[in-house]
Protein backbone atom coordinates (compact mmCIF):
# COMPACT_ATOMS: atom_id res chain seq x y z
CA MET A 1 -0.01 0.01 0.02
CA LYS A 2 1.46 3.31 -1.05
CA LYS A 3 -0.29 6.51 0.14
CA ILE A 4 -0.24 9.26 -2.43
CA THR A 5 -1.17 12.91 -2.13
CA LYS A 6 -2.04 13.63 -5.73
CA ILE A 7 -2.78 11.73 -8.94
CA ASN A 8 -0.06 11.27 -11.42
CA LYS A 9 -1.58 12.49 -14.70
CA ASN A 10 0.27 9.83 -16.53
CA ALA A 11 -0.96 7.08 -14.22
CA ASN A 12 -2.52 4.08 -15.93
CA TYR A 13 -4.52 2.14 -13.38
CA ASP A 14 -6.31 -1.06 -14.33
CA ILE A 15 -8.79 -0.58 -11.49
CA ILE A 16 -10.01 2.49 -9.60
CA ILE A 17 -11.89 1.68 -6.44
CA VAL A 18 -13.93 4.29 -4.48
CA GLY A 19 -13.89 3.52 -0.82
CA ALA A 20 -11.36 1.82 1.51
CA GLY A 21 -13.71 -0.10 3.75
CA PHE A 22 -14.38 -3.88 3.58
CA ALA A 23 -15.86 -3.88 0.14
CA GLY A 24 -13.22 -1.72 -1.52
CA SER A 25 -10.30 -3.15 0.29
CA ILE A 26 -11.09 -6.79 -0.30
CA MET A 27 -11.90 -6.02 -4.00
CA ALA A 28 -8.42 -4.44 -4.27
CA TRP A 29 -6.87 -7.53 -2.75
CA LYS A 30 -8.61 -9.72 -5.31
CA TYR A 31 -7.47 -7.56 -8.17
CA ILE A 32 -3.83 -7.35 -7.22
CA ASN A 33 -3.81 -11.15 -7.00
CA LYS A 34 -4.74 -11.06 -10.66
CA GLY A 35 -1.76 -8.84 -11.37
CA LYS A 36 -3.73 -5.57 -11.63
CA LYS A 37 -2.61 -2.07 -10.71
CA VAL A 38 -5.14 -0.49 -8.32
CA LEU A 39 -5.96 3.06 -7.15
CA ILE A 40 -8.22 3.45 -4.06
CA ILE A 41 -9.80 6.85 -3.42
CA ASP A 42 -11.44 7.66 -0.09
CA LYS A 43 -12.96 10.82 1.21
CA ARG A 44 -11.83 10.21 4.77
CA ASP A 45 -8.29 10.55 6.14
CA SER A 46 -8.20 6.85 7.10
CA ILE A 47 -8.63 3.40 5.65
CA ALA A 48 -10.95 0.64 7.08
CA GLY A 49 -14.28 2.38 6.61
CA ASN A 50 -16.53 2.21 9.62
CA ALA A 51 -14.26 -0.41 11.15
CA PHE A 52 -11.42 2.21 11.66
CA ASP A 53 -9.92 2.04 15.14
CA TYR A 54 -7.14 3.75 17.09
CA LYS A 55 -5.50 3.49 20.54
CA LYS A 56 -6.59 5.48 23.51
CA ASN A 57 -5.85 4.71 27.18
CA ASP A 58 -4.43 1.38 26.01
CA ASN A 59 -7.74 0.49 24.39
CA PHE A 60 -8.57 0.01 20.73
CA ILE A 61 -11.39 2.52 20.16
CA HIS A 62 -13.83 1.80 17.31
CA LYS A 63 -14.45 5.27 16.10
CA PHE A 64 -17.79 4.51 14.39
CA GLY A 65 -19.16 2.20 17.03
CA PRO A 66 -18.25 -1.29 18.33
CA HIS A 67 -17.45 -3.91 15.64
CA ILE A 68 -17.49 -7.50 16.93
CA PHE A 69 -16.57 -9.98 14.26
CA ARG A 70 -18.50 -13.27 14.17
CA THR A 71 -19.10 -16.03 11.64
CA ASN A 72 -19.97 -19.67 11.21
CA ASP A 73 -18.44 -19.66 7.74
CA GLU A 74 -15.09 -21.45 7.55
CA GLU A 75 -14.19 -19.77 4.25
CA ILE A 76 -14.60 -16.35 5.81
CA TRP A 77 -12.80 -17.52 9.02
CA ASN A 78 -9.78 -18.71 6.94
CA PHE A 79 -9.81 -15.52 4.88
CA ILE A 80 -9.59 -13.08 7.82
CA ASN A 81 -6.80 -15.23 9.38
CA LYS A 82 -4.57 -14.46 6.41
CA PHE A 83 -4.23 -10.89 7.68
CA GLY A 84 -3.64 -11.09 11.41
CA ASP A 85 -4.26 -12.82 14.70
CA TRP A 86 -7.71 -12.89 16.38
CA GLU A 87 -8.70 -13.15 19.97
CA GLU A 88 -11.82 -14.92 21.16
CA TYR A 89 -14.29 -12.52 22.59
CA LYS A 90 -17.81 -13.03 23.91
CA HIS A 91 -19.96 -9.86 23.71
CA ILE A 92 -22.30 -9.33 26.66
CA VAL A 93 -25.21 -6.85 26.42
CA TYR A 94 -27.71 -5.78 28.95
CA ALA A 95 -30.63 -3.37 28.58
CA LYS A 96 -31.57 -0.89 31.32
CA SER A 97 -35.22 -1.16 32.18
CA SER A 98 -37.74 1.56 33.08
CA ASN A 99 -37.08 0.88 36.78
CA ASN A 100 -33.29 0.81 36.33
CA SER A 101 -32.87 -2.89 36.56
CA LEU A 102 -30.85 -4.86 34.06
CA ILE A 103 -32.30 -7.17 31.44
CA HIS A 104 -30.15 -9.61 29.47
CA PHE A 105 -30.19 -8.98 25.71
CA PRO A 106 -30.87 -10.75 23.43
CA LEU A 107 -33.89 -11.97 25.37
CA ASN A 108 -33.55 -15.37 26.97
CA TYR A 109 -34.37 -17.23 30.18
CA GLU A 110 -32.19 -14.82 32.20
CA SER A 111 -34.18 -11.90 30.71
CA ILE A 112 -37.39 -13.52 31.99
CA LYS A 113 -35.89 -13.85 35.44
CA ASN A 114 -34.81 -10.16 35.23
CA ILE A 115 -38.29 -8.97 34.26
CA PHE A 116 -40.32 -11.41 36.35
CA PRO A 117 -38.19 -12.09 39.43
CA ASP A 118 -41.06 -13.47 41.50
CA SER A 119 -42.63 -15.67 38.82
CA TYR A 120 -39.91 -16.41 36.32
CA GLU A 121 -40.03 -20.23 36.70
CA ASN A 122 -43.68 -20.26 35.83
CA LYS A 123 -43.17 -17.88 32.87
CA ILE A 124 -40.31 -20.07 31.54
CA GLN A 125 -42.54 -23.12 31.85
CA GLN A 126 -45.25 -21.34 29.82
CA ILE A 127 -42.72 -20.53 27.11
CA ASN A 128 -41.41 -24.13 27.00
CA LEU A 129 -44.96 -25.61 26.74
CA ALA A 130 -45.98 -23.14 24.04
CA PHE A 131 -42.87 -23.57 21.93
CA LYS A 132 -41.68 -27.18 22.53
CA ASN A 133 -39.82 -27.67 19.32
CA GLN A 134 -38.20 -24.27 18.94
CA ASP A 135 -34.81 -23.11 20.22
CA GLU A 136 -35.41 -19.52 19.06
CA ILE A 137 -38.73 -17.66 19.04
CA LYS A 138 -39.64 -14.53 17.08
CA LEU A 139 -41.18 -11.97 19.43
CA MET A 140 -44.32 -11.69 17.26
CA GLU A 141 -44.87 -15.45 17.78
CA PHE A 142 -45.46 -14.86 21.48
CA TYR A 143 -48.53 -12.72 20.63
CA LYS A 144 -50.09 -15.63 18.67
CA LYS A 145 -50.40 -17.76 21.75
CA GLU A 146 -52.79 -16.85 24.54
CA SER A 147 -50.48 -18.29 27.19
CA THR A 148 -47.49 -16.08 26.26
CA LYS A 149 -49.25 -12.73 25.40
CA ASP A 150 -48.61 -11.23 28.81
CA ILE A 151 -44.95 -12.14 28.49
CA ALA A 152 -44.78 -10.62 25.04
CA ASN A 153 -46.35 -7.33 26.19
CA LYS A 154 -43.75 -6.98 29.04
CA LEU A 155 -40.79 -7.82 26.85
CA PHE A 156 -42.04 -5.54 24.03
CA ASN A 157 -42.71 -2.50 26.21
CA GLU A 158 -39.59 -2.78 28.40
CA VAL A 159 -36.99 -3.51 25.76
CA ILE A 160 -38.04 -3.70 22.09
CA LYS A 161 -40.64 -0.92 21.56
CA PRO A 162 -38.76 2.15 22.98
CA TYR A 163 -35.50 1.07 21.55
CA SER A 164 -36.74 0.36 18.04
CA ALA A 165 -38.84 3.51 17.74
CA LYS A 166 -35.84 5.61 18.82
CA ALA A 167 -33.36 3.75 16.55
CA TRP A 168 -35.51 4.09 13.44
CA GLY A 169 -37.10 7.45 14.15
CA THR A 170 -40.54 6.03 13.32
CA PRO A 171 -43.72 5.53 15.39
CA ILE A 172 -43.83 1.94 16.49
CA GLU A 173 -47.07 1.20 14.62
CA LYS A 174 -45.44 2.22 11.29
CA LEU A 175 -42.44 -0.07 11.72
CA ASP A 176 -42.30 -3.31 9.74
CA PRO A 177 -43.08 -6.14 12.23
CA SER A 178 -39.94 -7.91 10.96
CA THR A 179 -37.88 -5.19 12.70
CA PHE A 180 -38.80 -6.82 16.03
CA ASP A 181 -37.73 -10.28 14.95
CA ARG A 182 -34.08 -9.53 14.11
CA VAL A 183 -32.90 -10.73 17.45
CA PRO A 184 -35.22 -13.60 18.54
CA PHE A 185 -35.87 -14.93 22.02
CA ARG A 186 -33.50 -17.74 22.83
CA LYS A 187 -34.43 -20.73 25.04
CA THR A 188 -31.21 -20.71 26.99
CA TRP A 189 -29.53 -19.44 30.13
CA GLU A 190 -26.34 -18.85 28.32
CA LYS A 191 -25.07 -15.28 28.32
CA GLY A 192 -23.81 -13.66 25.10
CA TYR A 193 -25.16 -11.42 22.32
CA PHE A 194 -24.04 -13.75 19.47
CA ASN A 195 -24.12 -17.51 19.12
CA ASN A 196 -21.69 -17.92 16.17
CA LYS A 197 -18.90 -20.50 16.27
CA HIS A 198 -16.26 -17.78 15.80
CA GLN A 199 -16.65 -14.58 17.90
CA VAL A 200 -13.47 -12.55 17.80
CA LEU A 201 -11.69 -9.19 17.80
CA PRO A 202 -8.43 -8.48 15.89
CA LYS A 203 -5.50 -8.64 18.24
CA ASP A 204 -3.81 -5.64 16.65
CA GLY A 205 -7.00 -3.72 15.80
CA TYR A 206 -9.00 -3.45 12.60
CA THR A 207 -6.90 -0.71 11.03
CA LYS A 208 -3.80 -3.02 11.12
CA PHE A 209 -5.93 -5.74 9.64
CA PHE A 210 -6.83 -3.48 6.69
CA GLU A 211 -3.23 -2.40 6.24
CA LYS A 212 -2.28 -6.06 5.82
CA ILE A 213 -5.08 -6.61 3.24
CA LEU A 214 -3.79 -3.63 1.32
CA GLU A 215 -0.12 -4.56 1.65
CA SER A 216 1.07 -4.31 -1.98
CA GLU A 217 3.19 -2.12 -4.20
CA ASN A 218 0.38 -2.37 -6.74
CA ILE A 219 -2.10 -0.44 -4.55
CA ASP A 220 -2.00 3.35 -4.42
CA ILE A 221 -4.33 5.11 -1.92
CA LEU A 222 -5.48 8.65 -2.16
CA LEU A 223 -7.11 9.83 1.06
CA ASN A 224 -9.04 13.05 1.80
CA ALA A 225 -10.30 13.01 -1.81
CA ASN A 226 -13.88 13.25 -3.08
CA ALA A 227 -14.15 10.80 -5.95
CA ASN A 228 -17.63 12.07 -6.71
CA SER A 229 -16.25 15.44 -7.73
CA MET A 230 -13.37 13.88 -9.61
CA ILE A 231 -15.28 11.50 -11.87
CA ASN A 232 -16.54 12.70 -15.29
CA LYS A 233 -20.36 12.56 -15.04
CA GLU A 234 -20.86 12.32 -18.83
CA SER A 235 -18.56 9.34 -19.42
CA TYR A 236 -18.55 8.00 -15.86
CA SER A 237 -14.82 7.60 -16.00
CA PHE A 238 -11.81 9.34 -14.51
CA ASP A 239 -10.07 11.61 -17.03
CA PHE A 240 -6.59 10.81 -15.68
CA SER A 241 -7.19 7.05 -16.42
CA PRO A 242 -10.25 6.82 -18.69
CA ASN A 243 -10.00 3.07 -19.44
CA SER A 244 -9.91 1.90 -15.79
CA THR A 245 -12.52 -0.41 -14.46
CA ILE A 246 -14.38 1.43 -11.68
CA ILE A 247 -15.61 -0.22 -8.46
CA TRP A 248 -17.89 2.14 -6.58
CA THR A 249 -18.66 1.49 -2.91
CA GLY A 250 -19.93 4.94 -2.17
CA PRO A 251 -23.55 6.33 -2.27
CA ILE A 252 -25.13 5.47 -5.63
CA ASP A 253 -27.55 8.42 -5.45
CA GLU A 254 -24.77 10.94 -4.95
CA LEU A 255 -22.95 9.55 -8.05
CA ALA A 256 -26.03 10.30 -10.16
CA ASN A 257 -26.40 13.82 -8.64
CA PHE A 258 -29.61 12.72 -6.75
CA LYS A 259 -31.54 12.74 -9.98
CA PHE A 260 -34.29 10.56 -8.45
CA GLY A 261 -34.01 12.11 -4.94
CA GLU A 262 -31.81 11.33 -1.93
CA LEU A 263 -31.97 7.87 -0.42
CA LYS A 264 -32.77 8.00 3.27
CA TYR A 265 -30.43 6.73 5.96
CA ARG A 266 -30.38 6.61 9.73
CA SER A 267 -27.23 8.17 11.13
CA LEU A 268 -25.52 8.19 14.54
CA LYS A 269 -24.12 10.96 16.68
CA ILE A 270 -21.26 9.34 18.45
CA LYS A 271 -19.56 10.68 21.56
CA ILE A 272 -16.44 9.22 23.17
CA SER A 273 -15.69 10.13 26.80
CA ASN A 274 -14.00 8.89 29.95
CA LYS A 275 -17.29 9.24 31.84
CA SER A 276 -20.42 7.15 31.62
CA ILE A 277 -23.88 8.74 31.05
CA VAL A 278 -25.36 5.94 33.23
CA GLN A 279 -25.07 6.21 37.02
CA GLY A 280 -24.43 3.21 39.21
CA ILE A 281 -24.30 0.57 36.46
CA GLY A 282 -21.03 -0.67 35.05
CA GLY A 283 -18.98 -3.70 34.14
CA TYR A 284 -20.58 -4.49 30.78
CA PRO A 285 -19.26 -4.05 27.23
CA THR A 286 -22.54 -2.62 25.97
CA LEU A 287 -25.62 -1.33 27.78
CA ASN A 288 -28.76 -0.72 25.76
CA LEU A 289 -30.78 2.30 26.94
CA PRO A 290 -34.26 1.91 25.58
CA HIS A 291 -35.78 4.46 27.97
CA HIS A 292 -33.10 7.14 27.64
CA PRO A 293 -34.63 10.23 25.81
CA SER A 294 -32.04 10.15 22.94
CA VAL A 295 -29.24 7.61 23.29
CA THR A 296 -29.72 4.02 22.25
CA ARG A 297 -26.67 2.43 23.82
CA GLU A 298 -23.40 2.97 25.60
CA SER A 299 -20.33 0.78 25.19
CA ASN A 300 -17.16 0.68 27.36
CA PHE A 301 -14.01 -0.27 25.39
CA LYS A 302 -12.33 -1.31 28.56
CA TYR A 303 -14.29 -4.56 28.24
CA LEU A 304 -13.71 -4.93 24.47
CA ASN A 305 -9.98 -5.24 24.83
CA PHE A 306 -7.54 -7.75 26.20
CA ILE A 307 -5.37 -5.43 28.32
CA GLU A 308 -5.73 -5.85 32.03
CA GLY A 309 -6.00 -2.59 33.97
CA SER A 310 -6.95 -0.51 30.92
CA SER A 311 -9.03 2.62 31.59
CA ASP A 312 -12.74 3.26 30.96
CA VAL A 313 -13.48 4.70 27.55
CA PHE A 314 -17.24 5.11 26.83
CA LEU A 315 -18.88 5.50 23.47
CA THR A 316 -22.57 6.58 23.23
CA GLU A 317 -24.77 6.28 20.15
CA GLU A 318 -27.58 8.68 19.48
CA PRO A 319 -29.59 8.03 16.32
CA GLY A 320 -30.94 10.60 13.89
CA TRP A 321 -31.77 11.18 10.22
CA TYR A 322 -28.77 11.53 7.91
CA SER A 323 -28.22 14.91 6.39
CA LYS A 324 -25.02 16.17 4.79
CA GLU A 325 -25.65 19.59 6.31
CA SER A 326 -26.03 18.23 9.86
CA GLU A 327 -23.25 18.72 12.33
CA ASP A 328 -24.11 15.55 14.19
CA PHE A 329 -25.72 13.21 11.70
CA ASN A 330 -23.60 13.54 8.59
CA GLU A 331 -22.52 9.89 8.18
CA ARG A 332 -24.76 7.37 6.41
CA TYR A 333 -25.18 4.30 8.59
CA TYR A 334 -28.45 2.33 8.02
CA PRO A 335 -30.40 2.14 4.77
CA ILE A 336 -34.18 2.41 5.25
CA SER A 337 -35.89 -0.68 3.82
CA THR A 338 -39.24 0.88 3.01
CA ASN A 339 -40.98 0.29 -0.29
CA ASP A 340 -40.54 3.90 -1.32
CA GLU A 341 -36.82 3.90 -0.71
CA ILE A 342 -36.29 0.52 -2.38
CA LYS A 343 -38.20 1.82 -5.41
CA LYS A 344 -35.97 4.89 -5.52
CA TYR A 345 -32.84 2.76 -5.27
CA ASP A 346 -34.19 0.60 -8.16
CA LEU A 347 -34.45 3.75 -10.35
CA TYR A 348 -30.73 4.41 -9.76
CA LYS A 349 -29.77 0.88 -10.46
CA LYS A 350 -31.86 0.88 -13.66
CA TYR A 351 -30.33 4.25 -14.75
CA PHE A 352 -26.83 2.96 -14.55
CA ASN A 353 -27.71 -0.42 -16.13
CA GLU A 354 -29.50 1.13 -19.08
CA GLN A 355 -27.73 4.47 -19.62
CA HIS A 356 -24.19 3.50 -18.65
CA PRO A 357 -24.03 -0.32 -18.94
CA GLY A 358 -20.88 -1.92 -17.77
CA LYS A 359 -19.18 1.36 -16.82
CA ILE A 360 -19.23 0.92 -13.03
CA LYS A 361 -19.50 -2.08 -10.67
CA PHE A 362 -21.56 -1.23 -7.56
CA ILE A 363 -20.79 -3.17 -4.34
CA GLY A 364 -21.37 -2.49 -0.65
CA ARG A 365 -23.76 -0.96 1.73
CA LEU A 366 -23.96 2.51 0.21
CA ALA A 367 -23.66 1.44 -3.39
CA GLU A 368 -26.25 -1.30 -3.12
CA TYR A 369 -28.47 0.45 -0.53
CA LYS A 370 -28.37 -2.67 1.58
CA TYR A 371 -27.21 -3.27 5.11
CA TYR A 372 -24.27 -5.68 5.45
CA ASP A 373 -22.51 -6.78 8.61
CA MET A 374 -18.86 -7.61 8.36
CA GLU A 375 -19.31 -11.32 7.69
CA GLN A 376 -21.93 -10.55 4.98
CA ILE A 377 -19.88 -8.00 3.06
CA ILE A 378 -16.78 -10.25 3.06
CA LYS A 379 -18.86 -13.14 1.66
CA ARG A 380 -20.39 -10.80 -0.91
CA VAL A 381 -16.99 -9.61 -2.14
CA LEU A 382 -15.37 -13.04 -2.14
CA ASN A 383 -18.18 -14.31 -4.34
CA GLU A 384 -17.92 -11.36 -6.73
CA LYS A 385 -16.55 -12.43 -10.12
CA ILE A 386 -13.69 -10.26 -11.49
């Protein structure tokens, strides 16, 4: 990887990739293994996309929010191990209830004990009788059985409803019911947010992991550069290297000058501090705050690292609607999967397919207007034909 500060006008790149996150970096790795010369352009001053991290108080701080890597896929597991060592890590999450007690999340038997301390054994028996052959239960399924409706109401109102409405900025009755089923109830006492075979964090941080992916003399990286203002919007090519194949991982609507309107995203206002906003509760990597007026969760990187005696470093997440003019919500995080937004995205996809066929390959969360976690985007890129 060679960082450059300006484009050589005589440069002749085989591939130009916009974005140095997972999609762009792994695509670059694939191309250099085919003997191609690659240029990566990123508007930020760092590589690694939203996985970028740095050291503070002996902790690795995930600048854009905690990233816990997990997978059951051995191909993905073998791939990430090419570029560094990984430490096993089990992520523990609790939610703070309306009466300031703690509720295990995702919801499980312990959550039932947290919410119904005097009758939890009876409640668990009701659940087991109603769902004999299921290890995981979608919350909406609780409502379909008379014997578990009261349990569903309590779980929904204490944890799911206030958190989801705040996270998505939408009245609860207008949210797609599938929103509430993303993290199902688990019939287990086992603690832990994830249940994947591999749950890990990079021993040397995500930024180092990306540096190793991009470790090649055949990769140039231009940071602090806006590719959208550099690309020729008539030919959809870069004038300094007009025959290059272009991989676009940035916003597809911005590339087309928003001709069909802006695609909506939820954003996050992130604050990093040595002090917690929650009084009297500590010792957990992440605490969901469904009843806080604005913040959805607080994480403490002291518990997301492997260094004994490291100091507290807290990160809070406050959701809001993305706007490029906003001081706090100017990063696109979560695409909005409503019919109107998907139709709008389809117009952009059709426009590039019909008006500029084969000019640009779109891949990644912003380019495809689709949420990917780390495992999913790696799989997506590894399966992409080049």
